[in-house]
Protein backbone atom coordinates (compact mmCIF):
# COMPACT_ATOMS: atom_id res chain seq x y z
CA MET A 1 -23.96 22.14 -5.53
CA GLY A 2 -23.85 26.14 -6.27
CA GLN A 3 -26.76 28.09 -7.81
CA PRO A 4 -26.97 28.47 -11.68
CA LEU A 5 -25.70 31.77 -12.79
CA HIS A 6 -27.14 32.50 -16.24
CA ILE A 7 -25.49 34.78 -18.90
CA GLU A 8 -27.46 36.59 -21.96
CA ILE A 9 -25.66 38.01 -24.72
CA GLY A 10 -27.40 40.53 -26.94
CA LEU A 11 -26.23 40.55 -30.83
CA VAL A 12 -27.41 43.43 -32.97
CA VAL A 13 -25.17 41.50 -35.77
CA ASP A 14 -26.46 37.78 -37.22
CA ASP A 15 -22.83 37.23 -38.74
CA LEU A 16 -21.56 36.98 -35.13
CA ALA A 17 -23.96 34.83 -33.70
CA GLU A 18 -21.52 31.66 -34.71
CA THR A 19 -18.61 33.00 -33.44
CA VAL A 20 -20.27 33.82 -30.05
CA ARG A 21 -21.83 30.23 -29.85
CA GLU A 22 -18.52 28.49 -30.46
CA ALA A 23 -16.64 31.04 -27.68
CA ILE A 24 -19.05 30.20 -25.20
CA GLU A 25 -19.25 26.45 -25.87
CA VAL A 26 -16.45 25.77 -23.68
CA SER A 27 -16.06 22.65 -20.77
CA GLU A 28 -13.26 23.68 -18.72
CA PRO A 29 -14.44 25.38 -15.79
CA LEU A 30 -13.94 29.49 -15.49
CA ARG A 31 -12.84 31.30 -12.78
CA LEU A 32 -14.21 34.88 -11.95
CA ARG A 33 -12.50 36.51 -9.24
CA GLY A 34 -11.81 33.66 -7.00
CA VAL A 35 -15.25 31.92 -7.79
CA GLN A 36 -14.95 28.66 -9.75
CA LEU A 37 -17.91 28.32 -12.89
CA ALA A 38 -18.57 25.08 -14.34
CA PRO A 39 -20.52 25.66 -17.80
CA ARG A 40 -23.45 23.61 -19.06
CA PRO A 41 -23.14 22.89 -22.61
CA GLY A 42 -26.05 23.95 -25.28
CA ALA A 43 -26.37 27.92 -25.33
CA ALA A 44 -29.64 28.67 -26.41
CA ALA A 45 -30.90 31.75 -28.35
CA VAL A 46 -33.79 33.23 -26.28
CA GLU A 47 -35.34 35.95 -28.23
CA GLN A 48 -34.42 36.75 -31.92
CA LEU A 49 -35.76 40.14 -33.34
CA SER A 50 -35.44 41.67 -36.82
CA TRP A 51 -34.60 45.04 -36.99
CA ALA A 52 -37.77 45.64 -39.00
CA SER A 53 -39.98 43.70 -36.40
CA MET A 54 -38.28 45.96 -33.98
CA SER A 55 -39.61 48.75 -35.93
CA SER A 56 -43.11 48.01 -35.64
CA ALA A 57 -42.93 47.03 -31.77
CA GLY A 58 -42.20 50.44 -30.96
CA SER A 59 -45.24 51.74 -28.95
CA ALA A 60 -46.43 55.41 -29.51
CA ALA A 61 -46.64 55.35 -25.05
CA PRO A 62 -44.40 57.74 -23.17
CA PRO A 63 -40.79 55.34 -22.50
CA CYS A 64 -39.87 54.12 -19.06
CA LEU A 65 -37.11 52.61 -18.58
CA ARG A 66 -35.48 50.32 -15.42
CA PHE A 67 -31.74 50.72 -15.73
CA LEU A 68 -30.29 47.29 -13.93
CA THR A 69 -26.73 48.29 -13.84
CA PRO A 70 -25.17 51.44 -13.55
CA VAL A 71 -25.79 53.70 -16.55
CA LEU A 72 -23.12 56.37 -17.14
CA PHE A 73 -22.73 59.20 -19.87
CA ARG A 74 -19.73 60.60 -21.10
CA SER A 75 -19.45 63.29 -23.68
CA ALA A 76 -17.08 66.34 -24.54
CA ALA A 77 -17.56 69.26 -27.09
CA ALA A 78 -14.30 70.02 -28.98
CA GLY A 79 -11.88 72.07 -26.55
CA MET A 80 -13.95 71.39 -23.94
CA PRO A 81 -13.31 68.84 -20.70
CA ARG A 82 -15.49 65.69 -20.85
CA LEU A 83 -18.63 65.84 -18.68
CA THR A 84 -19.58 62.83 -17.01
CA ARG A 85 -23.83 62.29 -16.12
CA ARG A 86 -25.55 59.75 -14.35
CA VAL A 87 -29.03 61.19 -15.18
CA PRO A 88 -30.42 59.54 -18.41
CA TYR A 89 -31.54 62.73 -20.03
CA PRO A 90 -33.67 61.94 -23.13
CA GLY A 91 -30.81 62.65 -25.71
CA LEU A 92 -28.20 60.73 -23.81
CA VAL A 93 -30.26 57.92 -24.37
CA TYR A 94 -31.66 57.93 -27.43
CA ARG A 95 -29.26 59.98 -29.62
CA PRO A 96 -26.38 56.95 -29.68
CA GLN A 97 -29.39 54.48 -30.50
CA LEU A 98 -30.11 56.62 -33.41
CA GLY A 99 -26.98 56.54 -34.59
CA ARG A 100 -26.59 52.39 -34.28
CA TRP A 101 -29.96 52.12 -36.02
CA ARG A 102 -29.21 54.40 -39.04
CA ARG A 103 -25.79 52.11 -39.04
CA TRP A 104 -26.73 48.85 -38.50
CA SER A 105 -30.42 48.72 -39.60
CA ASP A 106 -31.78 47.40 -42.80
CA ALA A 107 -35.54 48.47 -41.90
CA PRO A 108 -36.84 52.29 -41.85
CA LEU A 109 -37.98 54.01 -38.79
CA PRO A 110 -41.55 54.76 -38.71
CA ALA A 111 -40.68 58.43 -38.82
CA ASP A 112 -37.43 60.43 -38.03
CA PRO A 113 -37.68 60.32 -34.13
CA THR A 114 -35.53 63.91 -34.24
CA PRO A 115 -37.75 66.24 -33.20
CA ALA A 116 -38.66 63.83 -30.27
CA VAL A 117 -35.13 63.26 -29.46
CA ASP A 118 -33.81 66.72 -29.29
CA GLY A 119 -36.45 68.03 -27.14
CA GLY A 120 -39.48 66.70 -27.57
CA LEU A 121 -39.01 64.01 -25.16
CA GLU A 122 -38.67 65.17 -21.43
CA LEU A 123 -37.31 63.02 -18.31
CA GLU A 124 -40.18 63.15 -15.77
CA LEU A 125 -38.70 64.18 -12.39
CA PRO A 126 -38.00 63.54 -9.77
CA ILE A 127 -36.37 59.60 -10.79
CA ASP A 128 -36.11 56.56 -8.58
CA MET A 129 -32.28 56.36 -9.06
CA ARG A 130 -29.57 56.31 -7.01
CA ALA A 131 -25.87 55.78 -7.35
CA SER A 132 -24.33 52.43 -7.65
CA ASP A 133 -20.47 51.42 -8.64
CA HIS A 134 -19.57 49.02 -11.07
CA LEU A 135 -17.11 46.84 -12.01
CA VAL A 136 -15.36 47.49 -15.59
CA ALA A 137 -11.84 46.40 -15.41
CA VAL A 138 -10.36 43.72 -13.25
CA ALA A 139 -6.85 44.21 -11.85
CA ARG A 140 -3.90 43.71 -14.13
CA PRO A 141 -0.54 41.96 -13.20
CA GLY A 142 1.16 44.39 -10.91
CA GLU A 143 -1.55 46.55 -10.24
CA ARG A 144 -3.25 46.50 -6.92
CA VAL A 145 -6.85 47.67 -7.54
CA ALA A 146 -9.94 47.12 -10.19
CA ARG A 147 -11.51 49.92 -11.71
CA PHE A 148 -15.38 51.17 -11.14
CA GLU A 149 -17.38 53.39 -12.73
CA THR A 150 -20.27 54.91 -10.77
CA GLY A 151 -23.65 55.35 -12.49
CA GLY A 152 -27.16 55.59 -11.85
CA VAL A 153 -29.74 52.56 -11.14
CA GLY A 154 -33.36 52.54 -10.95
CA VAL A 155 -36.34 54.03 -12.76
CA ALA A 156 -36.61 56.96 -15.43
CA SER A 157 -39.88 58.04 -17.08
CA TYR A 158 -40.46 60.19 -19.99
CA ARG A 159 -43.22 62.39 -21.06
CA TYR A 160 -43.85 63.13 -24.62
CA ALA A 161 -44.42 67.16 -25.51
CA ARG A 162 -47.74 67.90 -28.02
CA SER A 163 -45.91 68.48 -30.92
CA VAL A 164 -44.46 65.19 -31.34
CA THR A 165 -46.32 63.09 -33.70
CA ASN A 166 -47.49 59.58 -33.19
CA SER A 167 -45.12 57.98 -35.89
CA GLU A 168 -42.39 60.00 -34.36
CA ARG A 169 -43.37 58.11 -30.78
CA ARG A 170 -43.42 54.95 -32.46
CA ALA A 171 -39.80 55.46 -33.40
CA VAL A 172 -38.58 56.18 -30.25
CA GLY A 173 -40.30 53.66 -28.97
CA ALA A 174 -38.41 51.07 -31.80
CA LEU A 175 -35.45 52.84 -30.28
CA THR A 176 -36.44 51.58 -26.76
CA VAL A 177 -36.60 47.95 -27.78
CA LEU A 178 -32.90 48.30 -29.12
CA CYS A 179 -32.22 50.18 -25.78
CA GLY A 180 -33.37 47.11 -24.50
CA LEU A 181 -31.18 44.47 -26.80
CA ILE A 182 -27.64 46.58 -26.42
CA GLY A 183 -28.11 48.82 -23.33
CA ALA A 184 -26.88 52.71 -23.09
CA GLY A 185 -24.48 54.85 -22.15
CA ASP A 186 -20.51 53.96 -21.51
CA HIS A 187 -18.99 50.54 -20.96
CA ALA A 188 -22.62 48.81 -22.09
CA THR A 189 -20.03 46.18 -23.63
CA VAL A 190 -19.05 45.47 -19.72
CA GLY A 191 -22.32 45.16 -18.29
CA MET A 192 -23.44 49.07 -17.41
CA GLY A 193 -26.35 50.55 -18.90
CA VAL A 194 -28.29 47.37 -19.18
CA VAL A 195 -32.15 48.20 -19.88
CA ARG A 196 -35.39 46.81 -19.54
CA ARG A 197 -38.22 48.43 -21.16
CA LEU A 198 -40.90 48.62 -18.77
CA ARG A 199 -43.18 50.71 -21.40
CA GLY A 200 -42.44 52.35 -24.88
C-alpha cells in the first residue's frame, strides 16, 4: 500500500464549498502522471476563517513568509513588455491581496495598508530563496512536452519603516493571513506560490 497523499483546497467564496466537495467525492481511481491514486471518502474541513476573523488575526509584527512552491510574478505596463520576477518584493505580494480583499471581503481592514504596501514595507536582504521549476500544464494530445515555470522557493522576511502605523501593520497582517490561504503570484491556481505564514 502506498503512502497517503493529502490535498488541501482553500476557498474564499463560501458558496463554492459544496460544489468542490461534490467534485472531490469520487470513488474511481485517479491517474496522475502514471501514478494511480485511490481516493478515500470523507473530505473534511480543516480550518474555516471569516473575513472578520482574518481582519482581526493580523499581527503588527513584520511579515515573514515561507514559499513552499515556486513563486513567480509577471507584470506589464501599457506598451511595455511583460516583466518576470522571482523575488517576492512587498508590492508584488501585497497589492494583489489588497485588491482581492476589496473585491471579496465583507469586513473592513483595520486601516488602509496602502502606505505600507507602497513603500513602508521593505524586503530584508539577503533572502533565503532558490530557483525551482513547477509543472503548470501537462502535455496535451499531440504535444511532446509539459509546460514548466521557474520561480523562487524559500523564506522572505520584511521590515517596516518607522512611519507605518500600528493599524497599518495589522492590516498588512490580515493580508498575510489571506496570502496563506490563497497563495501569491502567478499560477497560484495550479499550485505555484503556496505560502506559509511564519510571522505577521
